[in-house]
């Protein structure tokens, strides 16, 4: 399977989930997010793709620590974290972190 085909398949699977799903690049910019994440947080896809995850979704008091974990490639594999909605509300979500190399 070609790299582009694998990426499309992964995005199709993540879009079909009823769980929140997001793919970030090495710098923390959103490369993909699924419908349930957008609905939960009140954003349109075009408002999120390419934007800094930590600026949009991570509460200010946690932002530096979460960004540091991401940049170091060392987030905990399963964590409960707060995320911000577009309206500034805080939601508590359980994340399973998976690192994709070459996807």
PDB file of N, CA and C in Angstrom:
ATOM      1  N   UNK A   1       0.847  -1.169   0.000  1.00  0.00           N
ATOM      2  CA  UNK A   1       0.000   0.000   0.000  1.00  0.00           C
ATOM      3  C   UNK A   1       0.901   1.244   0.000  1.00  0.00           C
ATOM      4  N   UNK A   2       0.609   2.178  -0.845  1.00  0.00           N
ATOM      5  CA  UNK A   2       1.385   3.411  -0.920  1.00  0.00           C
ATOM      6  C   UNK A   2       1.114   4.297   0.284  1.00  0.00           C
ATOM      7  N   UNK A   3       2.075   5.178   0.581  1.00  0.00           N
ATOM      8  CA  UNK A   3       1.950   6.073   1.725  1.00  0.00           C
ATOM      9  C   UNK A   3       0.661   6.884   1.667  1.00  0.00           C
ATOM     10  N   UNK A   4       0.339   7.443   0.511  1.00  0.00           N
ATOM     11  CA  UNK A   4      -0.889   8.229   0.368  1.00  0.00           C
ATOM     12  C   UNK A   4      -2.132   7.404   0.632  1.00  0.00           C
ATOM     13  N   UNK A   5      -2.130   6.149   0.183  1.00  0.00           N
ATOM     14  CA  UNK A   5      -3.259   5.254   0.423  1.00  0.00           C
ATOM     15  C   UNK A   5      -3.405   4.942   1.908  1.00  0.00           C
ATOM     16  N   UNK A   6      -2.282   4.713   2.577  1.00  0.00           N
ATOM     17  CA  UNK A   6      -2.308   4.440   4.025  1.00  0.00           C
ATOM     18  C   UNK A   6      -2.851   5.642   4.785  1.00  0.00           C
ATOM     19  N   UNK A   7      -2.429   6.833   4.388  1.00  0.00           N
ATOM     20  CA  UNK A   7      -2.883   8.052   5.054  1.00  0.00           C
ATOM     21  C   UNK A   7      -4.380   8.233   4.858  1.00  0.00           C
ATOM     22  N   UNK A   8      -4.851   8.028   3.630  1.00  0.00           N
ATOM     23  CA  UNK A   8      -6.296   8.153   3.361  1.00  0.00           C
ATOM     24  C   UNK A   8      -7.092   7.123   4.162  1.00  0.00           C
ATOM     25  N   UNK A   9      -6.602   5.898   4.229  1.00  0.00           N
ATOM     26  CA  UNK A   9      -7.284   4.850   4.983  1.00  0.00           C
ATOM     27  C   UNK A   9      -7.355   5.224   6.465  1.00  0.00           C
ATOM     28  N   UNK A  10      -6.243   5.694   7.019  1.00  0.00           N
ATOM     29  CA  UNK A  10      -6.219   6.100   8.423  1.00  0.00           C
ATOM     30  C   UNK A  10      -7.219   7.228   8.678  1.00  0.00           C
ATOM     31  N   UNK A  11      -7.235   8.220   7.824  1.00  0.00           N
ATOM     32  CA  UNK A  11      -8.172   9.336   8.001  1.00  0.00           C
ATOM     33  C   UNK A  11      -9.621   8.875   7.884  1.00  0.00           C
ATOM     34  N   UNK A  12      -9.898   7.951   6.965  1.00  0.00           N
ATOM     35  CA  UNK A  12     -11.262   7.425   6.828  1.00  0.00           C
ATOM     36  C   UNK A  12     -11.694   6.690   8.097  1.00  0.00           C
ATOM     37  N   UNK A  13     -10.790   5.893   8.657  1.00  0.00           N
ATOM     38  CA  UNK A  13     -11.100   5.160   9.883  1.00  0.00           C
ATOM     39  C   UNK A  13     -11.348   6.132  11.026  1.00  0.00           C
ATOM     40  N   UNK A  14     -10.465   7.111  11.194  1.00  0.00           N
ATOM     41  CA  UNK A  14     -10.612   8.073  12.291  1.00  0.00           C
ATOM     42  C   UNK A  14     -11.867   8.917  12.150  1.00  0.00           C
ATOM     43  N   UNK A  15     -12.236   9.247  10.934  1.00  0.00           N
ATOM     44  CA  UNK A  15     -13.446  10.052  10.723  1.00  0.00           C
ATOM     45  C   UNK A  15     -14.686   9.266  11.113  1.00  0.00           C
ATOM     46  N   UNK A  16     -14.664   7.952  10.924  1.00  0.00           N
ATOM     47  CA  UNK A  16     -15.816   7.122  11.230  1.00  0.00           C
ATOM     48  C   UNK A  16     -15.997   6.811  12.714  1.00  0.00           C
ATOM     49  N   UNK A  17     -14.998   7.079  13.507  1.00  0.00           N
ATOM     50  CA  UNK A  17     -15.092   6.806  14.940  1.00  0.00           C
ATOM     51  C   UNK A  17     -16.057   7.763  15.622  1.00  0.00           C
ATOM     52  N   UNK A  18     -16.680   7.284  16.672  1.00  0.00           N
ATOM     53  CA  UNK A  18     -17.513   8.154  17.501  1.00  0.00           C
ATOM     54  C   UNK A  18     -16.708   8.677  18.683  1.00  0.00           C
ATOM     55  N   UNK A  19     -15.405   8.536  18.608  1.00  0.00           N
ATOM     56  CA  UNK A  19     -14.474   9.048  19.610  1.00  0.00           C
ATOM     57  C   UNK A  19     -13.806  10.283  19.039  1.00  0.00           C
ATOM     58  N   UNK A  20     -13.229  11.110  19.902  1.00  0.00           N
ATOM     59  CA  UNK A  20     -12.497  12.281  19.429  1.00  0.00           C
ATOM     60  C   UNK A  20     -11.154  11.818  18.890  1.00  0.00           C
ATOM     61  N   UNK A  21     -10.781  12.309  17.717  1.00  0.00           N
ATOM     62  CA  UNK A  21      -9.502  11.928  17.120  1.00  0.00           C
ATOM     63  C   UNK A  21      -8.841  13.146  16.492  1.00  0.00           C
ATOM     64  N   UNK A  22      -7.536  13.263  16.697  1.00  0.00           N
ATOM     65  CA  UNK A  22      -6.762  14.361  16.135  1.00  0.00           C
ATOM     66  C   UNK A  22      -5.375  13.851  15.794  1.00  0.00           C
ATOM     67  N   UNK A  23      -4.827  14.346  14.693  1.00  0.00           N
ATOM     68  CA  UNK A  23      -3.450  14.057  14.312  1.00  0.00           C
ATOM     69  C   UNK A  23      -2.690  15.374  14.295  1.00  0.00           C
ATOM     70  N   UNK A  24      -1.574  15.402  15.014  1.00  0.00           N
ATOM     71  CA  UNK A  24      -0.731  16.600  15.079  1.00  0.00           C
ATOM     72  C   UNK A  24       0.588  16.333  14.381  1.00  0.00           C
ATOM     73  N   UNK A  25       1.187  17.379  13.807  1.00  0.00           N
ATOM     74  CA  UNK A  25       2.535  17.230  13.276  1.00  0.00           C
ATOM     75  C   UNK A  25       3.533  17.412  14.417  1.00  0.00           C
ATOM     76  N   UNK A  26       4.804  17.352  14.106  1.00  0.00           N
ATOM     77  CA  UNK A  26       5.850  17.418  15.128  1.00  0.00           C
ATOM     78  C   UNK A  26       5.814  18.723  15.923  1.00  0.00           C
ATOM     79  N   UNK A  27       5.348  19.808  15.307  1.00  0.00           N
ATOM     80  CA  UNK A  27       5.288  21.107  15.992  1.00  0.00           C
ATOM     81  C   UNK A  27       3.984  21.328  16.740  1.00  0.00           C
ATOM     82  N   UNK A  28       3.027  20.418  16.599  1.00  0.00           N
ATOM     83  CA  UNK A  28       1.755  20.561  17.295  1.00  0.00           C
ATOM     84  C   UNK A  28       0.656  21.204  16.477  1.00  0.00           C
ATOM     85  N   UNK A  29       0.846  21.293  15.166  1.00  0.00           N
ATOM     86  CA  UNK A  29      -0.216  21.822  14.300  1.00  0.00           C
ATOM     87  C   UNK A  29      -1.170  20.676  13.929  1.00  0.00           C
ATOM     88  N   UNK A  30      -2.443  20.995  13.880  1.00  0.00           N
ATOM     89  CA  UNK A  30      -3.468  19.998  13.572  1.00  0.00           C
ATOM     90  C   UNK A  30      -3.397  19.641  12.088  1.00  0.00           C
ATOM     91  N   UNK A  31      -3.178  18.367  11.817  1.00  0.00           N
ATOM     92  CA  UNK A  31      -3.165  17.866  10.446  1.00  0.00           C
ATOM     93  C   UNK A  31      -4.498  17.224  10.074  1.00  0.00           C
ATOM     94  N   UNK A  32      -5.194  16.713  11.083  1.00  0.00           N
ATOM     95  CA  UNK A  32      -6.491  16.082  10.879  1.00  0.00           C
ATOM     96  C   UNK A  32      -7.245  16.122  12.197  1.00  0.00           C
ATOM     97  N   UNK A  33      -8.542  16.298  12.132  1.00  0.00           N
ATOM     98  CA  UNK A  33      -9.412  16.111  13.291  1.00  0.00           C
ATOM     99  C   UNK A  33     -10.742  15.591  12.760  1.00  0.00           C
ATOM    100  N   UNK A  34     -11.387  14.750  13.555  1.00  0.00           N
ATOM    101  CA  UNK A  34     -12.634  14.165  13.059  1.00  0.00           C
ATOM    102  C   UNK A  34     -13.859  14.966  13.505  1.00  0.00           C
ATOM    103  N   UNK A  35     -14.990  14.586  12.949  1.00  0.00           N
ATOM    104  CA  UNK A  35     -16.243  15.286  13.222  1.00  0.00           C
ATOM    105  C   UNK A  35     -16.615  15.355  14.698  1.00  0.00           C
ATOM    106  N   UNK A  36     -16.509  14.247  15.450  1.00  0.00           N
ATOM    107  CA  UNK A  36     -16.852  14.325  16.866  1.00  0.00           C
ATOM    108  C   UNK A  36     -16.013  15.351  17.650  1.00  0.00           C
ATOM    109  N   UNK A  37     -14.743  15.497  17.321  1.00  0.00           N
ATOM    110  CA  UNK A  37     -13.919  16.515  17.985  1.00  0.00           C
ATOM    111  C   UNK A  37     -14.439  17.910  17.637  1.00  0.00           C
ATOM    112  N   UNK A  38     -14.712  18.133  16.366  1.00  0.00           N
ATOM    113  CA  UNK A  38     -15.213  19.433  15.931  1.00  0.00           C
ATOM    114  C   UNK A  38     -16.544  19.757  16.600  1.00  0.00           C
ATOM    115  N   UNK A  39     -17.434  18.775  16.649  1.00  0.00           N
ATOM    116  CA  UNK A  39     -18.749  18.990  17.259  1.00  0.00           C
ATOM    117  C   UNK A  39     -18.615  19.276  18.751  1.00  0.00           C
ATOM    118  N   UNK A  40     -17.781  18.522  19.439  1.00  0.00           N
ATOM    119  CA  UNK A  40     -17.586  18.706  20.878  1.00  0.00           C
ATOM    120  C   UNK A  40     -17.039  20.088  21.200  1.00  0.00           C
ATOM    121  N   UNK A  41     -16.134  20.569  20.346  1.00  0.00           N
ATOM    122  CA  UNK A  41     -15.449  21.833  20.637  1.00  0.00           C
ATOM    123  C   UNK A  41     -16.048  23.034  19.919  1.00  0.00           C
ATOM    124  N   UNK A  42     -16.967  22.810  18.987  1.00  0.00           N
ATOM    125  CA  UNK A  42     -17.672  23.914  18.350  1.00  0.00           C
ATOM    126  C   UNK A  42     -16.930  24.609  17.221  1.00  0.00           C
ATOM    127  N   UNK A  43     -15.977  23.926  16.611  1.00  0.00           N
ATOM    128  CA  UNK A  43     -15.208  24.516  15.515  1.00  0.00           C
ATOM    129  C   UNK A  43     -15.624  23.929  14.173  1.00  0.00           C
ATOM    130  N   UNK A  44     -15.324  24.663  13.119  1.00  0.00           N
ATOM    131  CA  UNK A  44     -15.402  24.149  11.757  1.00  0.00           C
ATOM    132  C   UNK A  44     -14.026  23.619  11.391  1.00  0.00           C
ATOM    133  N   UNK A  45     -13.979  22.645  10.538  1.00  0.00           N
ATOM    134  CA  UNK A  45     -12.708  22.014  10.155  1.00  0.00           C
ATOM    135  C   UNK A  45     -11.685  23.044   9.675  1.00  0.00           C
ATOM    136  N   UNK A  46     -12.117  23.994   8.860  1.00  0.00           N
ATOM    137  CA  UNK A  46     -11.171  24.976   8.308  1.00  0.00           C
ATOM    138  C   UNK A  46     -10.620  25.934   9.369  1.00  0.00           C
ATOM    139  N   UNK A  47     -11.268  26.000  10.515  1.00  0.00           N
ATOM    140  CA  UNK A  47     -10.770  26.828  11.607  1.00  0.00           C
ATOM    141  C   UNK A  47      -9.685  26.127  12.424  1.00  0.00           C
ATOM    142  N   UNK A  48      -9.522  24.827  12.202  1.00  0.00           N
ATOM    143  CA  UNK A  48      -8.631  24.020  13.023  1.00  0.00           C
ATOM    144  C   UNK A  48      -7.425  23.490  12.252  1.00  0.00           C
ATOM    145  N   UNK A  49      -7.638  23.023  11.034  1.00  0.00           N
ATOM    146  CA  UNK A  49      -6.557  22.402  10.257  1.00  0.00           C
ATOM    147  C   UNK A  49      -5.427  23.407  10.037  1.00  0.00           C
ATOM    148  N   UNK A  50      -4.206  22.967  10.376  1.00  0.00           N
ATOM    149  CA  UNK A  50      -3.020  23.794  10.218  1.00  0.00           C
ATOM    150  C   UNK A  50      -2.758  24.725  11.390  1.00  0.00           C
ATOM    151  N   UNK A  51      -3.686  24.775  12.336  1.00  0.00           N
ATOM    152  CA  UNK A  51      -3.545  25.667  13.496  1.00  0.00           C
ATOM    153  C   UNK A  51      -2.817  24.944  14.628  1.00  0.00           C
ATOM    154  N   UNK A  52      -2.301  25.719  15.566  1.00  0.00           N
ATOM    155  CA  UNK A  52      -1.593  25.201  16.725  1.00  0.00           C
ATOM    156  C   UNK A  52      -2.588  24.591  17.715  1.00  0.00           C
ATOM    157  N   UNK A  53      -2.500  23.290  17.928  1.00  0.00           N
ATOM    158  CA  UNK A  53      -3.394  22.569  18.844  1.00  0.00           C
ATOM    159  C   UNK A  53      -3.385  23.191  20.233  1.00  0.00           C
ATOM    160  N   UNK A  54      -2.204  23.510  20.706  1.00  0.00           N
ATOM    161  CA  UNK A  54      -2.057  23.972  22.082  1.00  0.00           C
ATOM    162  C   UNK A  54      -2.679  25.348  22.290  1.00  0.00           C
ATOM    163  N   UNK A  55      -2.619  26.194  21.283  1.00  0.00           N
ATOM    164  CA  UNK A  55      -3.238  27.526  21.381  1.00  0.00           C
ATOM    165  C   UNK A  55      -4.760  27.440  21.351  1.00  0.00           C
ATOM    166  N   UNK A  56      -5.300  26.532  20.555  1.00  0.00           N
ATOM    167  CA  UNK A  56      -6.759  26.430  20.420  1.00  0.00           C
ATOM    168  C   UNK A  56      -7.417  25.610  21.517  1.00  0.00           C
ATOM    169  N   UNK A  57      -6.809  24.498  21.897  1.00  0.00           N
ATOM    170  CA  UNK A  57      -7.517  23.503  22.695  1.00  0.00           C
ATOM    171  C   UNK A  57      -6.995  23.269  24.111  1.00  0.00           C
ATOM    172  N   UNK A  58      -5.810  23.744  24.429  1.00  0.00           N
ATOM    173  CA  UNK A  58      -5.231  23.439  25.745  1.00  0.00           C
ATOM    174  C   UNK A  58      -5.368  24.653  26.664  1.00  0.00           C
ATOM    175  N   UNK A  59      -5.921  24.442  27.871  1.00  0.00           N
ATOM    176  CA  UNK A  59      -6.046  25.554  28.825  1.00  0.00           C
ATOM    177  C   UNK A  59      -4.688  26.207  29.083  1.00  0.00           C
ATOM    178  N   UNK A  60      -4.711  27.511  29.248  1.00  0.00           N
ATOM    179  CA  UNK A  60      -3.486  28.295  29.403  1.00  0.00           C
ATOM    180  C   UNK A  60      -2.570  27.752  30.493  1.00  0.00           C
ATOM    181  N   UNK A  61      -3.128  27.354  31.622  1.00  0.00           N
ATOM    182  CA  UNK A  61      -2.299  26.883  32.729  1.00  0.00           C
ATOM    183  C   UNK A  61      -1.625  25.533  32.469  1.00  0.00           C
ATOM    184  N   UNK A  62      -2.038  24.829  31.411  1.00  0.00           N
ATOM    185  CA  UNK A  62      -1.439  23.537  31.060  1.00  0.00           C
ATOM    186  C   UNK A  62      -0.644  23.590  29.759  1.00  0.00           C
ATOM    187  N   UNK A  63      -0.755  24.689  29.048  1.00  0.00           N
ATOM    188  CA  UNK A  63      -0.234  24.788  27.692  1.00  0.00           C
ATOM    189  C   UNK A  63       1.261  24.490  27.579  1.00  0.00           C
ATOM    190  N   UNK A  64       2.066  25.119  28.415  1.00  0.00           N
ATOM    191  CA  UNK A  64       3.514  24.947  28.323  1.00  0.00           C
ATOM    192  C   UNK A  64       3.915  23.493  28.585  1.00  0.00           C
ATOM    193  N   UNK A  65       3.339  22.878  29.595  1.00  0.00           N
ATOM    194  CA  UNK A  65       3.667  21.490  29.929  1.00  0.00           C
ATOM    195  C   UNK A  65       3.243  20.531  28.823  1.00  0.00           C
ATOM    196  N   UNK A  66       2.021  20.709  28.295  1.00  0.00           N
ATOM    197  CA  UNK A  66       1.540  19.813  27.234  1.00  0.00           C
ATOM    198  C   UNK A  66       2.369  19.977  25.958  1.00  0.00           C
ATOM    199  N   UNK A  67       2.717  21.220  25.617  1.00  0.00           N
ATOM    200  CA  UNK A  67       3.542  21.460  24.429  1.00  0.00           C
ATOM    201  C   UNK A  67       4.924  20.808  24.611  1.00  0.00           C
ATOM    202  N   UNK A  68       5.498  20.959  25.796  1.00  0.00           N
ATOM    203  CA  UNK A  68       6.793  20.356  26.085  1.00  0.00           C
ATOM    204  C   UNK A  68       6.772  18.847  25.949  1.00  0.00           C
ATOM    205  N   UNK A  69       5.711  18.216  26.458  1.00  0.00           N
ATOM    206  CA  UNK A  69       5.561  16.766  26.313  1.00  0.00           C
ATOM    207  C   UNK A  69       5.505  16.374  24.842  1.00  0.00           C
ATOM    208  N   UNK A  70       4.730  17.128  24.089  1.00  0.00           N
ATOM    209  CA  UNK A  70       4.574  16.811  22.666  1.00  0.00           C
ATOM    210  C   UNK A  70       5.900  16.972  21.925  1.00  0.00           C
ATOM    211  N   UNK A  71       6.563  18.090  22.129  1.00  0.00           N
ATOM    212  CA  UNK A  71       7.817  18.350  21.426  1.00  0.00           C
ATOM    213  C   UNK A  71       8.896  17.345  21.801  1.00  0.00           C
ATOM    214  N   UNK A  72       8.865  16.863  23.035  1.00  0.00           N
ATOM    215  CA  UNK A  72       9.832  15.860  23.480  1.00  0.00           C
ATOM    216  C   UNK A  72       9.440  14.457  23.019  1.00  0.00           C
ATOM    217  N   UNK A  73       8.221  14.330  22.466  1.00  0.00           N
ATOM    218  CA  UNK A  73       7.746  13.020  22.023  1.00  0.00           C
ATOM    219  C   UNK A  73       7.470  12.088  23.190  1.00  0.00           C
ATOM    220  N   UNK A  74       7.121  12.680  24.335  1.00  0.00           N
ATOM    221  CA  UNK A  74       6.990  11.876  25.550  1.00  0.00           C
ATOM    222  C   UNK A  74       5.664  12.024  26.279  1.00  0.00           C
ATOM    223  N   UNK A  75       4.535  12.207  25.576  1.00  0.00           N
ATOM    224  CA  UNK A  75       3.279  12.267  26.332  1.00  0.00           C
ATOM    225  C   UNK A  75       2.949  10.885  26.892  1.00  0.00           C
ATOM    226  N   UNK A  76       2.204  10.865  27.975  1.00  0.00           N
ATOM    227  CA  UNK A  76       1.770   9.593  28.544  1.00  0.00           C
ATOM    228  C   UNK A  76       0.861   8.898  27.535  1.00  0.00           C
ATOM    229  N   UNK A  77       0.913   7.553  27.467  1.00  0.00           N
ATOM    230  CA  UNK A  77       0.127   6.839  26.454  1.00  0.00           C
ATOM    231  C   UNK A  77      -1.382   6.924  26.651  1.00  0.00           C
ATOM    232  N   UNK A  78      -1.845   7.062  27.882  1.00  0.00           N
ATOM    233  CA  UNK A  78      -3.270   7.186  28.144  1.00  0.00           C
ATOM    234  C   UNK A  78      -3.434   8.204  29.267  1.00  0.00           C
ATOM    235  N   UNK A  79      -4.105   9.301  28.943  1.00  0.00           N
ATOM    236  CA  UNK A  79      -4.201  10.392  29.906  1.00  0.00           C
ATOM    237  C   UNK A  79      -5.592  11.003  29.892  1.00  0.00           C
ATOM    238  N   UNK A  80      -5.950  11.598  31.008  1.00  0.00           N
ATOM    239  CA  UNK A  80      -7.167  12.388  31.104  1.00  0.00           C
ATOM    240  C   UNK A  80      -6.733  13.846  31.086  1.00  0.00           C
ATOM    241  N   UNK A  81      -7.241  14.608  30.130  1.00  0.00           N
ATOM    242  CA  UNK A  81      -6.823  16.004  29.970  1.00  0.00           C
ATOM    243  C   UNK A  81      -8.030  16.891  29.725  1.00  0.00           C
ATOM    244  N   UNK A  82      -7.848  18.144  30.066  1.00  0.00           N
ATOM    245  CA  UNK A  82      -8.859  19.158  29.764  1.00  0.00           C
ATOM    246  C   UNK A  82      -8.613  19.681  28.347  1.00  0.00           C
ATOM    247  N   UNK A  83      -9.695  19.950  27.638  1.00  0.00           N
ATOM    248  CA  UNK A  83      -9.608  20.662  26.365  1.00  0.00           C
ATOM    249  C   UNK A  83     -10.596  21.822  26.419  1.00  0.00           C
ATOM    250  N   UNK A  84     -10.291  22.840  25.640  1.00  0.00           N
ATOM    251  CA  UNK A  84     -11.151  24.024  25.568  1.00  0.00           C
ATOM    252  C   UNK A  84     -12.060  23.943  24.358  1.00  0.00           C
ATOM    253  N   UNK A  85     -13.280  24.414  24.534  1.00  0.00           N
ATOM    254  CA  UNK A  85     -14.180  24.555  23.397  1.00  0.00           C
ATOM    255  C   UNK A  85     -13.986  25.947  22.806  1.00  0.00           C
ATOM    256  N   UNK A  86     -14.605  26.172  21.684  1.00  0.00           N
ATOM    257  CA  UNK A  86     -14.546  27.480  21.046  1.00  0.00           C
ATOM    258  C   UNK A  86     -15.065  28.584  21.963  1.00  0.00           C
ATOM    259  N   UNK A  87     -16.041  28.234  22.796  1.00  0.00           N
ATOM    260  CA  UNK A  87     -16.650  29.199  23.714  1.00  0.00           C
ATOM    261  C   UNK A  87     -15.879  29.353  25.023  1.00  0.00           C
ATOM    262  N   UNK A  88     -14.733  28.673  25.140  1.00  0.00           N
ATOM    263  CA  UNK A  88     -13.916  28.786  26.337  1.00  0.00           C
ATOM    264  C   UNK A  88     -14.304  27.849  27.467  1.00  0.00           C
ATOM    265  N   UNK A  89     -15.273  26.965  27.215  1.00  0.00           N
ATOM    266  CA  UNK A  89     -15.634  25.962  28.220  1.00  0.00           C
ATOM    267  C   UNK A  89     -14.543  24.896  28.275  1.00  0.00           C
ATOM    268  N   UNK A  90     -14.413  24.277  29.434  1.00  0.00           N
ATOM    269  CA  UNK A  90     -13.441  23.202  29.601  1.00  0.00           C
ATOM    270  C   UNK A  90     -14.172  21.868  29.616  1.00  0.00           C
ATOM    271  N   UNK A  91     -13.655  20.920  28.855  1.00  0.00           N
ATOM    272  CA  UNK A  91     -14.198  19.557  28.827  1.00  0.00           C
ATOM    273  C   UNK A  91     -13.077  18.608  29.232  1.00  0.00           C
ATOM    274  N   UNK A  92     -13.395  17.583  29.982  1.00  0.00           N
ATOM    275  CA  UNK A  92     -12.424  16.583  30.389  1.00  0.00           C
ATOM    276  C   UNK A  92     -12.554  15.392  29.452  1.00  0.00           C
ATOM    277  N   UNK A  93     -11.457  14.993  28.836  1.00  0.00           N
ATOM    278  CA  UNK A  93     -11.479  13.870  27.901  1.00  0.00           C
ATOM    279  C   UNK A  93     -10.356  12.888  28.235  1.00  0.00           C
ATOM    280  N   UNK A  94     -10.571  11.647  27.861  1.00  0.00           N
ATOM    281  CA  UNK A  94      -9.556  10.608  28.006  1.00  0.00           C
ATOM    282  C   UNK A  94      -8.906  10.422  26.643  1.00  0.00           C
ATOM    283  N   UNK A  95      -7.585  10.578  26.584  1.00  0.00           N
ATOM    284  CA  UNK A  95      -6.837  10.432  25.334  1.00  0.00           C
ATOM    285  C   UNK A  95      -5.997   9.171  25.376  1.00  0.00           C
ATOM    286  N   UNK A  96      -5.941   8.464  24.285  1.00  0.00           N
ATOM    287  CA  UNK A  96      -4.959   7.413  24.070  1.00  0.00           C
ATOM    288  C   UNK A  96      -4.020   7.964  23.015  1.00  0.00           C
ATOM    289  N   UNK A  97      -2.759   8.138  23.373  1.00  0.00           N
ATOM    290  CA  UNK A  97      -1.781   8.759  22.487  1.00  0.00           C
ATOM    291  C   UNK A  97      -1.061   7.660  21.703  1.00  0.00           C
ATOM    292  N   UNK A  98      -1.044   7.815  20.398  1.00  0.00           N
ATOM    293  CA  UNK A  98      -0.362   6.873  19.513  1.00  0.00           C
ATOM    294  C   UNK A  98       0.562   7.670  18.621  1.00  0.00           C
ATOM    295  N   UNK A  99       1.807   7.263  18.560  1.00  0.00           N
ATOM    296  CA  UNK A  99       2.774   7.909  17.666  1.00  0.00           C
ATOM    297  C   UNK A  99       2.800   7.164  16.342  1.00  0.00           C
ATOM    298  N   UNK A 100       2.608   7.889  15.252  1.00  0.00           N
ATOM    299  CA  UNK A 100       2.612   7.300  13.922  1.00  0.00           C
ATOM    300  C   UNK A 100       3.876   7.739  13.195  1.00  0.00           C
ATOM    301  N   UNK A 101       4.709   6.819  12.874  1.00  0.00           N
ATOM    302  CA  UNK A 101       5.910   7.136  12.106  1.00  0.00           C
ATOM    303  C   UNK A 101       5.676   6.691  10.672  1.00  0.00           C
ATOM    304  N   UNK A 102       5.741   7.677   9.763  1.00  0.00           N
ATOM    305  CA  UNK A 102       5.592   7.369   8.347  1.00  0.00           C
ATOM    306  C   UNK A 102       4.172   7.155   7.890  1.00  0.00           C
ATOM    307  N   UNK A 103       3.183   7.512   8.686  1.00  0.00           N
ATOM    308  CA  UNK A 103       1.782   7.330   8.271  1.00  0.00           C
ATOM    309  C   UNK A 103       1.340   8.449   7.380  1.00  0.00           C
TER     310      UNK A 103
END
